[in-house]
């Protein structure tokens, strides 16, 4: 990925980065980042010398057909791990297992605490399960990361990306060893997650919203649906008046 994609990405977009010295040259660490764009998982590894392993939904690896096989080959090639979202606890438990395995190998594990991309560029509440449990189970340091302007490169509905410089700010590692062995305490998980999100907010300068991004997406979808139905009703009423 660094050779085939990394070079052209650097030349075309010239991403700037601050805080590279905060990523250890060896040993396990968790990169906890805000999530603005699909491209976040490419720009962050491109600026690092080490491999970063993220998780991706299993559908990317199991879609049938030529396009599905190409997609699966691509995600495997860039080091993505498939996460099966089925089952009682779905993606959360799968992400935790995958993250622990990556860190036990002494590698870098990338995770988006928000759980999904921000629908409007703001920073949303972090989910307390995956990030905090992996950190406390492994003792690996958590490095907060802020992606800057990646959502502007290819906004929804745009086919061609916009050539502009995205940025990456990498904060100092956070040590949660004081909570070691408390990965099943929900109050501790919440405290760890909130501390990481606060550091990401300081790095990114984003407005913070104290709700989950998934809930915000539902609200946006419901509002769009209601607006569409209202417009449809208005047109129907106008047509009836004309007749």
C-alpha atoms as a PDB file:
ATOM      1  CA  UNK A   1       0.000   0.000   0.000  1.00  0.00           C
ATOM      2  CA  UNK A   2       2.793   2.435   0.887  1.00  0.00           C
ATOM      3  CA  UNK A   3       4.488   1.826  -2.477  1.00  0.00           C
ATOM      4  CA  UNK A   4       1.490   1.501  -4.789  1.00  0.00           C
ATOM      5  CA  UNK A   5      -0.795   4.070  -3.143  1.00  0.00           C
ATOM      6  CA  UNK A   6       1.316   5.967  -0.633  1.00  0.00           C
ATOM      7  CA  UNK A   7       3.641   7.589  -3.164  1.00  0.00           C
ATOM      8  CA  UNK A   8       0.896   8.957  -5.435  1.00  0.00           C
ATOM      9  CA  UNK A   9      -1.138  10.114  -2.406  1.00  0.00           C
ATOM     10  CA  UNK A  10       1.806  12.067  -1.040  1.00  0.00           C
ATOM     11  CA  UNK A  11       2.549  13.654  -4.405  1.00  0.00           C
ATOM     12  CA  UNK A  12      -1.059  14.524  -5.239  1.00  0.00           C
ATOM     13  CA  UNK A  13      -2.317  15.681  -1.834  1.00  0.00           C
ATOM     14  CA  UNK A  14       0.908  16.570   0.060  1.00  0.00           C
ATOM     15  CA  UNK A  15      -0.546  15.812   3.513  1.00  0.00           C
ATOM     16  CA  UNK A  16       1.069  17.721   6.374  1.00  0.00           C
ATOM     17  CA  UNK A  17       1.714  16.061   9.710  1.00  0.00           C
ATOM     18  CA  UNK A  18       2.607  17.202  13.219  1.00  0.00           C
ATOM     19  CA  UNK A  19       3.763  15.035  16.121  1.00  0.00           C
ATOM     20  CA  UNK A  20       5.368  12.113  14.281  1.00  0.00           C
ATOM     21  CA  UNK A  21       7.816  11.821  17.162  1.00  0.00           C
ATOM     22  CA  UNK A  22       4.926  10.688  19.390  1.00  0.00           C
ATOM     23  CA  UNK A  23       4.600   7.375  17.540  1.00  0.00           C
ATOM     24  CA  UNK A  24       7.079   4.823  18.968  1.00  0.00           C
ATOM     25  CA  UNK A  25       9.560   3.284  16.548  1.00  0.00           C
ATOM     26  CA  UNK A  26       8.847  -0.177  17.969  1.00  0.00           C
ATOM     27  CA  UNK A  27       6.363  -1.877  20.244  1.00  0.00           C
ATOM     28  CA  UNK A  28       2.571  -1.878  20.505  1.00  0.00           C
ATOM     29  CA  UNK A  29       0.474   1.287  20.514  1.00  0.00           C
ATOM     30  CA  UNK A  30      -3.114   2.270  19.780  1.00  0.00           C
ATOM     31  CA  UNK A  31      -3.790   5.107  17.353  1.00  0.00           C
ATOM     32  CA  UNK A  32      -7.194   6.557  18.307  1.00  0.00           C
ATOM     33  CA  UNK A  33      -8.425   8.950  15.641  1.00  0.00           C
ATOM     34  CA  UNK A  34     -11.433  11.052  14.760  1.00  0.00           C
ATOM     35  CA  UNK A  35     -13.168   9.820  11.607  1.00  0.00           C
ATOM     36  CA  UNK A  36     -14.102  12.275   8.876  1.00  0.00           C
ATOM     37  CA  UNK A  37     -13.621  10.319   5.658  1.00  0.00           C
ATOM     38  CA  UNK A  38     -13.096   6.921   4.104  1.00  0.00           C
ATOM     39  CA  UNK A  39      -9.611   8.162   3.201  1.00  0.00           C
ATOM     40  CA  UNK A  40      -8.549   8.502   6.869  1.00  0.00           C
ATOM     41  CA  UNK A  41      -7.385   4.874   6.852  1.00  0.00           C
ATOM     42  CA  UNK A  42      -5.033   5.687   3.957  1.00  0.00           C
ATOM     43  CA  UNK A  43      -3.615   9.090   4.841  1.00  0.00           C
ATOM     44  CA  UNK A  44      -2.607   8.108   8.381  1.00  0.00           C
ATOM     45  CA  UNK A  45      -0.563   5.000   7.425  1.00  0.00           C
ATOM     46  CA  UNK A  46       1.019   6.919   4.527  1.00  0.00           C
ATOM     47  CA  UNK A  47       2.769   9.386   6.843  1.00  0.00           C
ATOM     48  CA  UNK A  48       4.083   6.672   9.180  1.00  0.00           C
ATOM     49  CA  UNK A  49       7.057   4.363   8.669  1.00  0.00           C
ATOM     50  CA  UNK A  50       5.297   1.541  10.522  1.00  0.00           C
ATOM     51  CA  UNK A  51       2.340  -0.548   9.444  1.00  0.00           C
ATOM     52  CA  UNK A  52      -1.034   0.364  10.959  1.00  0.00           C
ATOM     53  CA  UNK A  53      -3.783  -2.245  11.132  1.00  0.00           C
ATOM     54  CA  UNK A  54      -7.383  -1.049  11.134  1.00  0.00           C
ATOM     55  CA  UNK A  55     -10.582  -3.074  11.256  1.00  0.00           C
ATOM     56  CA  UNK A  56     -13.170  -3.147   8.471  1.00  0.00           C
ATOM     57  CA  UNK A  57     -16.640  -4.638   8.198  1.00  0.00           C
ATOM     58  CA  UNK A  58     -16.647  -8.247   6.965  1.00  0.00           C
ATOM     59  CA  UNK A  59     -18.867  -7.358   3.998  1.00  0.00           C
ATOM     60  CA  UNK A  60     -15.830  -5.808   2.302  1.00  0.00           C
ATOM     61  CA  UNK A  61     -14.241  -9.279   2.249  1.00  0.00           C
ATOM     62  CA  UNK A  62     -17.252 -11.438   1.365  1.00  0.00           C
ATOM     63  CA  UNK A  63     -19.072  -9.552  -1.418  1.00  0.00           C
ATOM     64  CA  UNK A  64     -19.436 -11.871  -4.452  1.00  0.00           C
ATOM     65  CA  UNK A  65     -18.441 -11.092  -8.024  1.00  0.00           C
ATOM     66  CA  UNK A  66     -15.378  -9.556  -9.644  1.00  0.00           C
ATOM     67  CA  UNK A  67     -15.820  -6.230  -7.857  1.00  0.00           C
ATOM     68  CA  UNK A  68     -16.191  -8.044  -4.536  1.00  0.00           C
ATOM     69  CA  UNK A  69     -13.001 -10.061  -5.074  1.00  0.00           C
ATOM     70  CA  UNK A  70     -11.064  -6.948  -6.032  1.00  0.00           C
ATOM     71  CA  UNK A  71     -12.372  -5.121  -2.972  1.00  0.00           C
ATOM     72  CA  UNK A  72     -11.414  -8.020  -0.705  1.00  0.00           C
ATOM     73  CA  UNK A  73      -7.928  -8.228  -2.230  1.00  0.00           C
ATOM     74  CA  UNK A  74      -7.449  -4.488  -1.765  1.00  0.00           C
ATOM     75  CA  UNK A  75      -8.468  -4.460   1.909  1.00  0.00           C
ATOM     76  CA  UNK A  76      -6.318  -7.491   2.658  1.00  0.00           C
ATOM     77  CA  UNK A  77      -3.414  -5.840   0.866  1.00  0.00           C
ATOM     78  CA  UNK A  78      -3.594  -2.681   2.986  1.00  0.00           C
ATOM     79  CA  UNK A  79      -3.740  -4.670   6.214  1.00  0.00           C
ATOM     80  CA  UNK A  80      -7.410  -4.316   7.114  1.00  0.00           C
ATOM     81  CA  UNK A  81      -8.922  -6.967   9.386  1.00  0.00           C
ATOM     82  CA  UNK A  82     -12.468  -8.220   8.702  1.00  0.00           C
ATOM     83  CA  UNK A  83     -14.944  -7.813  11.565  1.00  0.00           C
ATOM     84  CA  UNK A  84     -18.060  -9.972  11.622  1.00  0.00           C
ATOM     85  CA  UNK A  85     -20.865  -7.725  12.867  1.00  0.00           C
ATOM     86  CA  UNK A  86     -23.306 -10.574  13.428  1.00  0.00           C
ATOM     87  CA  UNK A  87     -24.051 -12.086  16.818  1.00  0.00           C
ATOM     88  CA  UNK A  88     -25.193 -10.672  20.115  1.00  0.00           C
ATOM     89  CA  UNK A  89     -22.475  -8.068  20.549  1.00  0.00           C
ATOM     90  CA  UNK A  90     -21.325  -7.993  16.948  1.00  0.00           C
ATOM     91  CA  UNK A  91     -18.556  -5.689  15.855  1.00  0.00           C
ATOM     92  CA  UNK A  92     -17.597  -4.587  19.372  1.00  0.00           C
ATOM     93  CA  UNK A  93     -16.369  -7.990  20.555  1.00  0.00           C
ATOM     94  CA  UNK A  94     -14.764  -8.756  17.195  1.00  0.00           C
ATOM     95  CA  UNK A  95     -12.909  -5.439  17.226  1.00  0.00           C
ATOM     96  CA  UNK A  96     -11.637  -6.063  20.744  1.00  0.00           C
ATOM     97  CA  UNK A  97     -10.305  -9.511  19.854  1.00  0.00           C
ATOM     98  CA  UNK A  98      -8.676  -8.217  16.684  1.00  0.00           C
ATOM     99  CA  UNK A  99      -7.098  -5.258  18.450  1.00  0.00           C
ATOM    100  CA  UNK A 100      -5.621  -7.388  21.220  1.00  0.00           C
ATOM    101  CA  UNK A 101      -4.106  -9.803  18.691  1.00  0.00           C
ATOM    102  CA  UNK A 102      -2.485  -6.958  16.731  1.00  0.00           C
ATOM    103  CA  UNK A 103      -1.013  -5.377  19.867  1.00  0.00           C
ATOM    104  CA  UNK A 104       0.253  -8.683  21.228  1.00  0.00           C
ATOM    105  CA  UNK A 105       2.337  -8.931  18.043  1.00  0.00           C
ATOM    106  CA  UNK A 106       3.918  -5.577  18.970  1.00  0.00           C
ATOM    107  CA  UNK A 107       2.238  -3.676  16.144  1.00  0.00           C
ATOM    108  CA  UNK A 108       0.179  -0.490  15.760  1.00  0.00           C
ATOM    109  CA  UNK A 109      -3.592  -0.793  15.979  1.00  0.00           C
ATOM    110  CA  UNK A 110      -5.782   1.956  14.516  1.00  0.00           C
ATOM    111  CA  UNK A 111      -9.295   2.566  15.822  1.00  0.00           C
ATOM    112  CA  UNK A 112     -12.022   5.201  15.472  1.00  0.00           C
ATOM    113  CA  UNK A 113     -13.657   5.648  18.902  1.00  0.00           C
ATOM    114  CA  UNK A 114     -16.719   7.332  17.346  1.00  0.00           C
ATOM    115  CA  UNK A 115     -17.513   4.014  15.675  1.00  0.00           C
ATOM    116  CA  UNK A 116     -18.460   5.570  12.333  1.00  0.00           C
ATOM    117  CA  UNK A 117     -17.694   8.607  10.210  1.00  0.00           C
ATOM    118  CA  UNK A 118     -18.907  11.966  11.417  1.00  0.00           C
ATOM    119  CA  UNK A 119     -22.000  12.992   9.432  1.00  0.00           C
ATOM    120  CA  UNK A 120     -21.237  16.723   9.595  1.00  0.00           C
ATOM    121  CA  UNK A 121     -17.578  17.250  10.481  1.00  0.00           C
ATOM    122  CA  UNK A 122     -18.172  17.579  14.214  1.00  0.00           C
ATOM    123  CA  UNK A 123     -16.627  15.291  16.840  1.00  0.00           C
ATOM    124  CA  UNK A 124     -19.060  12.876  18.473  1.00  0.00           C
ATOM    125  CA  UNK A 125     -19.045  10.936  21.711  1.00  0.00           C
ATOM    126  CA  UNK A 126     -16.677   7.981  21.779  1.00  0.00           C
ATOM    127  CA  UNK A 127     -18.060   4.496  22.276  1.00  0.00           C
ATOM    128  CA  UNK A 128     -16.654   3.083  25.546  1.00  0.00           C
ATOM    129  CA  UNK A 129     -16.271  -0.563  24.523  1.00  0.00           C
ATOM    130  CA  UNK A 130     -13.534  -1.215  21.985  1.00  0.00           C
ATOM    131  CA  UNK A 131     -10.862   1.401  22.559  1.00  0.00           C
ATOM    132  CA  UNK A 132     -10.837   1.379  26.366  1.00  0.00           C
ATOM    133  CA  UNK A 133     -11.100  -2.394  26.732  1.00  0.00           C
ATOM    134  CA  UNK A 134      -8.260  -3.037  24.297  1.00  0.00           C
ATOM    135  CA  UNK A 135      -6.084  -0.439  26.012  1.00  0.00           C
ATOM    136  CA  UNK A 136      -6.691  -1.818  29.489  1.00  0.00           C
ATOM    137  CA  UNK A 137      -6.392  -5.460  28.443  1.00  0.00           C
ATOM    138  CA  UNK A 138      -3.011  -4.938  26.752  1.00  0.00           C
ATOM    139  CA  UNK A 139      -1.505  -1.997  28.618  1.00  0.00           C
ATOM    140  CA  UNK A 140      -0.608  -0.404  25.266  1.00  0.00           C
ATOM    141  CA  UNK A 141      -0.353   3.398  25.193  1.00  0.00           C
ATOM    142  CA  UNK A 142      -3.145   5.289  23.421  1.00  0.00           C
ATOM    143  CA  UNK A 143      -1.988   7.944  20.954  1.00  0.00           C
ATOM    144  CA  UNK A 144      -4.699  10.499  20.063  1.00  0.00           C
ATOM    145  CA  UNK A 145      -4.814  11.478  16.387  1.00  0.00           C
ATOM    146  CA  UNK A 146      -6.705  14.245  14.599  1.00  0.00           C
ATOM    147  CA  UNK A 147      -7.407  14.061  10.886  1.00  0.00           C
ATOM    148  CA  UNK A 148      -7.838  17.561   9.446  1.00  0.00           C
ATOM    149  CA  UNK A 149      -9.980  18.423   6.373  1.00  0.00           C
ATOM    150  CA  UNK A 150     -10.081  14.889   4.942  1.00  0.00           C
ATOM    151  CA  UNK A 151     -13.875  15.163   4.614  1.00  0.00           C
ATOM    152  CA  UNK A 152     -13.410  18.074   2.165  1.00  0.00           C
ATOM    153  CA  UNK A 153     -11.417  15.993  -0.314  1.00  0.00           C
ATOM    154  CA  UNK A 154     -14.390  13.946  -1.490  1.00  0.00           C
ATOM    155  CA  UNK A 155     -17.708  15.179  -0.045  1.00  0.00           C
ATOM    156  CA  UNK A 156     -20.808  12.940  -0.360  1.00  0.00           C
ATOM    157  CA  UNK A 157     -22.086  12.832  -3.921  1.00  0.00           C
ATOM    158  CA  UNK A 158     -18.763  13.858  -5.471  1.00  0.00           C
ATOM    159  CA  UNK A 159     -17.086  11.331  -7.760  1.00  0.00           C
ATOM    160  CA  UNK A 160     -13.778  13.100  -8.314  1.00  0.00           C
ATOM    161  CA  UNK A 161     -11.679  14.004  -5.259  1.00  0.00           C
ATOM    162  CA  UNK A 162     -10.605  17.591  -4.706  1.00  0.00           C
ATOM    163  CA  UNK A 163      -6.859  18.151  -4.701  1.00  0.00           C
ATOM    164  CA  UNK A 164      -6.092  19.832  -1.387  1.00  0.00           C
ATOM    165  CA  UNK A 165      -3.780  19.325   1.586  1.00  0.00           C
ATOM    166  CA  UNK A 166      -5.259  17.338   4.465  1.00  0.00           C
ATOM    167  CA  UNK A 167      -3.509  17.403   7.812  1.00  0.00           C
ATOM    168  CA  UNK A 168      -2.718  14.967  10.621  1.00  0.00           C
ATOM    169  CA  UNK A 169      -1.930  15.946  14.209  1.00  0.00           C
ATOM    170  CA  UNK A 170      -0.559  13.243  16.492  1.00  0.00           C
ATOM    171  CA  UNK A 171      -0.711  13.831  20.224  1.00  0.00           C
ATOM    172  CA  UNK A 172       1.405  12.547  23.070  1.00  0.00           C
ATOM    173  CA  UNK A 173       0.774   8.949  24.246  1.00  0.00           C
ATOM    174  CA  UNK A 174      -1.758   8.523  27.045  1.00  0.00           C
ATOM    175  CA  UNK A 175      -0.965   6.035  29.817  1.00  0.00           C
ATOM    176  CA  UNK A 176      -3.910   4.245  31.412  1.00  0.00           C
ATOM    177  CA  UNK A 177      -1.912   1.736  33.453  1.00  0.00           C
ATOM    178  CA  UNK A 178      -3.612   3.083  36.590  1.00  0.00           C
ATOM    179  CA  UNK A 179      -6.762   1.302  35.418  1.00  0.00           C
ATOM    180  CA  UNK A 180      -5.060  -2.010  34.587  1.00  0.00           C
ATOM    181  CA  UNK A 181      -7.369  -4.973  35.213  1.00  0.00           C
ATOM    182  CA  UNK A 182     -10.495  -2.809  35.313  1.00  0.00           C
ATOM    183  CA  UNK A 183     -11.551  -3.334  31.698  1.00  0.00           C
ATOM    184  CA  UNK A 184     -14.996  -4.574  32.768  1.00  0.00           C
ATOM    185  CA  UNK A 185     -15.832  -1.531  34.888  1.00  0.00           C
ATOM    186  CA  UNK A 186     -18.184   0.582  32.771  1.00  0.00           C
ATOM    187  CA  UNK A 187     -17.364   3.780  34.659  1.00  0.00           C
ATOM    188  CA  UNK A 188     -13.647   3.279  34.033  1.00  0.00           C
ATOM    189  CA  UNK A 189     -14.297   2.523  30.353  1.00  0.00           C
ATOM    190  CA  UNK A 190     -16.295   5.734  30.061  1.00  0.00           C
ATOM    191  CA  UNK A 191     -13.578   7.766  31.817  1.00  0.00           C
ATOM    192  CA  UNK A 192     -10.820   6.394  29.566  1.00  0.00           C
ATOM    193  CA  UNK A 193     -12.830   7.011  26.404  1.00  0.00           C
ATOM    194  CA  UNK A 194     -13.791  10.554  27.402  1.00  0.00           C
ATOM    195  CA  UNK A 195     -10.161  11.414  28.187  1.00  0.00           C
ATOM    196  CA  UNK A 196      -9.075  10.226  24.737  1.00  0.00           C
ATOM    197  CA  UNK A 197     -11.905  12.118  23.012  1.00  0.00           C
ATOM    198  CA  UNK A 198     -10.968  15.294  24.876  1.00  0.00           C
ATOM    199  CA  UNK A 199      -7.401  15.039  23.584  1.00  0.00           C
ATOM    200  CA  UNK A 200      -8.659  14.426  20.032  1.00  0.00           C
ATOM    201  CA  UNK A 201     -10.921  17.484  20.343  1.00  0.00           C
ATOM    202  CA  UNK A 202      -7.965  19.650  21.404  1.00  0.00           C
ATOM    203  CA  UNK A 203      -5.892  18.398  18.469  1.00  0.00           C
ATOM    204  CA  UNK A 204      -8.619  18.707  15.835  1.00  0.00           C
ATOM    205  CA  UNK A 205     -10.368  21.894  16.969  1.00  0.00           C
ATOM    206  CA  UNK A 206     -13.702  20.249  16.171  1.00  0.00           C
ATOM    207  CA  UNK A 207     -16.948  21.152  17.875  1.00  0.00           C
ATOM    208  CA  UNK A 208     -17.833  18.358  20.312  1.00  0.00           C
ATOM    209  CA  UNK A 209     -21.313  16.820  20.352  1.00  0.00           C
ATOM    210  CA  UNK A 210     -22.270  14.743  23.402  1.00  0.00           C
ATOM    211  CA  UNK A 211     -24.128  12.053  21.478  1.00  0.00           C
ATOM    212  CA  UNK A 212     -23.131   9.081  19.361  1.00  0.00           C
ATOM    213  CA  UNK A 213     -22.527   9.640  15.648  1.00  0.00           C
ATOM    214  CA  UNK A 214     -24.822   6.711  14.821  1.00  0.00           C
ATOM    215  CA  UNK A 215     -27.702   8.485  16.598  1.00  0.00           C
ATOM    216  CA  UNK A 216     -26.898  11.714  14.766  1.00  0.00           C
ATOM    217  CA  UNK A 217     -26.990   9.888  11.445  1.00  0.00           C
ATOM    218  CA  UNK A 218     -30.417   8.467  12.295  1.00  0.00           C
ATOM    219  CA  UNK A 219     -31.705  11.921  13.167  1.00  0.00           C
ATOM    220  CA  UNK A 220     -30.358  13.351   9.910  1.00  0.00           C
ATOM    221  CA  UNK A 221     -31.906  10.506   7.885  1.00  0.00           C
ATOM    222  CA  UNK A 222     -35.264  10.885   9.649  1.00  0.00           C
ATOM    223  CA  UNK A 223     -35.251  14.651   9.081  1.00  0.00           C
ATOM    224  CA  UNK A 224     -34.447  14.171   5.394  1.00  0.00           C
ATOM    225  CA  UNK A 225     -37.241  11.604   5.074  1.00  0.00           C
ATOM    226  CA  UNK A 226     -39.735  13.899   6.807  1.00  0.00           C
ATOM    227  CA  UNK A 227     -38.734  16.797   4.555  1.00  0.00           C
ATOM    228  CA  UNK A 228     -39.168  14.636   1.470  1.00  0.00           C
ATOM    229  CA  UNK A 229     -42.602  13.476   2.592  1.00  0.00           C
ATOM    230  CA  UNK A 230     -43.637  17.058   3.366  1.00  0.00           C
ATOM    231  CA  UNK A 231     -42.505  18.175  -0.069  1.00  0.00           C
ATOM    232  CA  UNK A 232     -44.398  15.316  -1.663  1.00  0.00           C
ATOM    233  CA  UNK A 233     -47.557  16.200   0.269  1.00  0.00           C
ATOM    234  CA  UNK A 234     -47.194  19.853  -0.682  1.00  0.00           C
ATOM    235  CA  UNK A 235     -46.925  18.980  -4.369  1.00  0.00           C
ATOM    236  CA  UNK A 236     -49.938  16.682  -4.123  1.00  0.00           C
ATOM    237  CA  UNK A 237     -51.959  19.452  -2.435  1.00  0.00           C
ATOM    238  CA  UNK A 238     -50.944  21.969  -5.071  1.00  0.00           C
ATOM    239  CA  UNK A 239     -51.927  19.596  -7.870  1.00  0.00           C
ATOM    240  CA  UNK A 240     -55.319  19.018  -6.193  1.00  0.00           C
ATOM    241  CA  UNK A 241     -55.918  22.777  -5.881  1.00  0.00           C
ATOM    242  CA  UNK A 242     -55.122  23.276  -9.564  1.00  0.00           C
ATOM    243  CA  UNK A 243     -57.580  20.579 -10.557  1.00  0.00           C
END
